[in-house]
């Protein structure tokens, strides 16, 4: 947005026909309609590698949320395997469900490397 006067908003855009930067003045309602066209519906999945949802734009997204009066998002709860075991209904995750004896770790399995060409996506932090 370049300027706002009364009910009019002036913003810059790149004209796709000639590739030049231009300015357009529209009413505030029309400007909000144009901006909100780019907001995904709740519950829909979208590409988050660009715009405010890009990993490099976290500070800008936090600033936008603060300006709009939104609280920062709560981090998802960390669920350990022991918590999942208890939530499933088992009494003690450190004991065998069949015989009741304590479980003993004997080794740690190495992580599997993806085959060449397999696409791996990083989890959002």
Protein backbone atom coordinates (compact mmCIF):
# COMPACT_ATOMS: atom_id res chain seq x y z
CA UNK A 1 0.00 0.00 0.00
CA UNK A 2 1.39 3.38 -0.97
CA UNK A 3 -1.16 5.76 0.56
CA UNK A 4 -4.59 5.94 2.17
CA UNK A 5 -6.76 9.06 2.07
CA UNK A 6 -10.27 8.97 3.47
CA UNK A 7 -12.04 6.09 1.72
CA UNK A 8 -9.42 5.64 -1.03
CA UNK A 9 -6.34 3.40 -1.00
CA UNK A 10 -3.46 3.70 -3.45
CA UNK A 11 -1.31 0.61 -3.95
CA UNK A 12 1.44 -0.46 -6.32
CA UNK A 13 1.36 -3.44 -8.64
CA UNK A 14 3.26 -4.83 -11.60
CA UNK A 15 1.31 -4.76 -14.83
CA UNK A 16 1.66 -8.24 -16.41
CA UNK A 17 1.26 -6.84 -19.93
CA UNK A 18 4.32 -4.60 -19.93
CA UNK A 19 6.10 -5.61 -16.69
CA UNK A 20 6.14 -2.04 -15.34
CA UNK A 21 5.28 -0.96 -11.80
CA UNK A 22 2.11 1.10 -11.67
CA UNK A 23 -0.15 2.62 -9.03
CA UNK A 24 -3.90 2.12 -8.68
CA UNK A 25 -6.38 3.95 -6.44
CA UNK A 26 -9.53 2.11 -5.34
CA UNK A 27 -11.98 2.37 -2.46
CA UNK A 28 -10.99 0.81 0.87
CA UNK A 29 -13.69 -1.86 0.46
CA UNK A 30 -12.41 -2.80 -3.02
CA UNK A 31 -8.84 -2.92 -1.69
CA UNK A 32 -9.85 -5.28 1.12
CA UNK A 33 -11.73 -7.47 -1.37
CA UNK A 34 -8.57 -7.74 -3.48
CA UNK A 35 -6.43 -8.59 -0.44
CA UNK A 36 -8.88 -11.12 0.97
CA UNK A 37 -9.00 -13.00 -2.36
CA UNK A 38 -5.54 -14.27 -1.42
CA UNK A 39 -6.49 -15.55 2.04
CA UNK A 40 -7.20 -19.31 1.99
CA UNK A 41 -10.47 -20.66 3.38
CA UNK A 42 -10.18 -22.09 6.90
CA UNK A 43 -9.21 -25.75 6.82
CA UNK A 44 -7.85 -25.70 3.26
CA UNK A 45 -4.30 -26.70 2.48
CA UNK A 46 -2.15 -24.43 0.38
CA UNK A 47 1.41 -23.89 -0.63
CA UNK A 48 3.23 -22.15 2.20
CA UNK A 49 6.52 -21.47 0.49
CA UNK A 50 5.72 -17.89 -0.48
CA UNK A 51 4.02 -14.79 0.88
CA UNK A 52 3.43 -14.31 4.58
CA UNK A 53 3.55 -18.06 5.24
CA UNK A 54 7.10 -18.47 3.90
CA UNK A 55 9.69 -19.53 6.46
CA UNK A 56 11.68 -16.32 5.92
CA UNK A 57 8.65 -14.12 6.60
CA UNK A 58 7.83 -15.22 10.15
CA UNK A 59 8.67 -11.79 11.58
CA UNK A 60 6.41 -10.07 9.03
CA UNK A 61 3.58 -12.52 9.76
CA UNK A 62 3.97 -11.89 13.50
CA UNK A 63 3.84 -8.14 12.88
CA UNK A 64 0.68 -8.50 10.76
CA UNK A 65 -0.97 -10.58 13.49
CA UNK A 66 -0.05 -7.94 16.09
CA UNK A 67 -1.47 -5.13 13.93
CA UNK A 68 -4.71 -7.08 13.49
CA UNK A 69 -4.90 -7.74 17.24
CA UNK A 70 -4.49 -11.50 16.91
CA UNK A 71 -2.63 -13.37 19.65
CA UNK A 72 0.44 -15.33 18.59
CA UNK A 73 -0.41 -18.92 17.64
CA UNK A 74 0.00 -21.48 20.37
CA UNK A 75 2.62 -24.09 19.59
CA UNK A 76 1.20 -27.58 19.13
CA UNK A 77 1.50 -29.75 22.22
CA UNK A 78 4.46 -32.08 22.28
CA UNK A 79 3.19 -35.63 22.48
CA UNK A 80 5.68 -38.26 23.59
CA UNK A 81 5.17 -41.93 22.94
CA UNK A 82 4.53 -42.41 26.66
CA UNK A 83 1.68 -39.84 26.55
CA UNK A 84 0.23 -41.51 23.47
CA UNK A 85 0.42 -44.90 25.21
CA UNK A 86 -1.46 -43.58 28.25
CA UNK A 87 -4.02 -41.77 26.05
CA UNK A 88 -4.67 -45.08 24.29
CA UNK A 89 -5.69 -46.55 27.63
CA UNK A 90 -2.66 -48.59 28.63
CA UNK A 91 -1.66 -48.24 32.27
CA UNK A 92 2.14 -48.12 32.30
CA UNK A 93 4.13 -47.55 29.08
CA UNK A 94 7.33 -48.86 30.64
CA UNK A 95 5.89 -52.36 31.22
CA UNK A 96 4.89 -55.11 28.80
CA UNK A 97 1.14 -55.11 28.14
CA UNK A 98 1.10 -58.93 28.08
CA UNK A 99 3.27 -60.10 30.99
CA UNK A 100 3.68 -56.86 32.97
CA UNK A 101 7.49 -57.08 33.19
CA UNK A 102 9.58 -53.90 32.68
CA UNK A 103 10.58 -53.14 29.08
CA UNK A 104 14.32 -53.01 28.46
CA UNK A 105 15.83 -51.21 25.48
CA UNK A 106 18.49 -53.27 23.71
CA UNK A 107 19.41 -51.07 20.74
CA UNK A 108 18.42 -48.03 18.72
CA UNK A 109 17.49 -48.55 15.09
CA UNK A 110 19.19 -46.22 12.60
CA UNK A 111 17.04 -43.83 10.60
CA UNK A 112 16.30 -44.97 7.06
CA UNK A 113 17.76 -42.82 4.31
CA UNK A 114 15.36 -41.99 1.50
CA UNK A 115 16.07 -43.63 -1.84
CA UNK A 116 17.62 -41.38 -4.50
CA UNK A 117 15.02 -39.14 -6.10
CA UNK A 118 12.49 -39.40 -3.25
CA UNK A 119 11.18 -36.01 -2.20
CA UNK A 120 11.35 -35.33 1.54
CA UNK A 121 9.47 -32.42 3.06
CA UNK A 122 10.64 -30.74 6.24
CA UNK A 123 8.14 -30.41 9.04
CA UNK A 124 7.02 -26.90 9.89
CA UNK A 125 8.65 -25.55 12.98
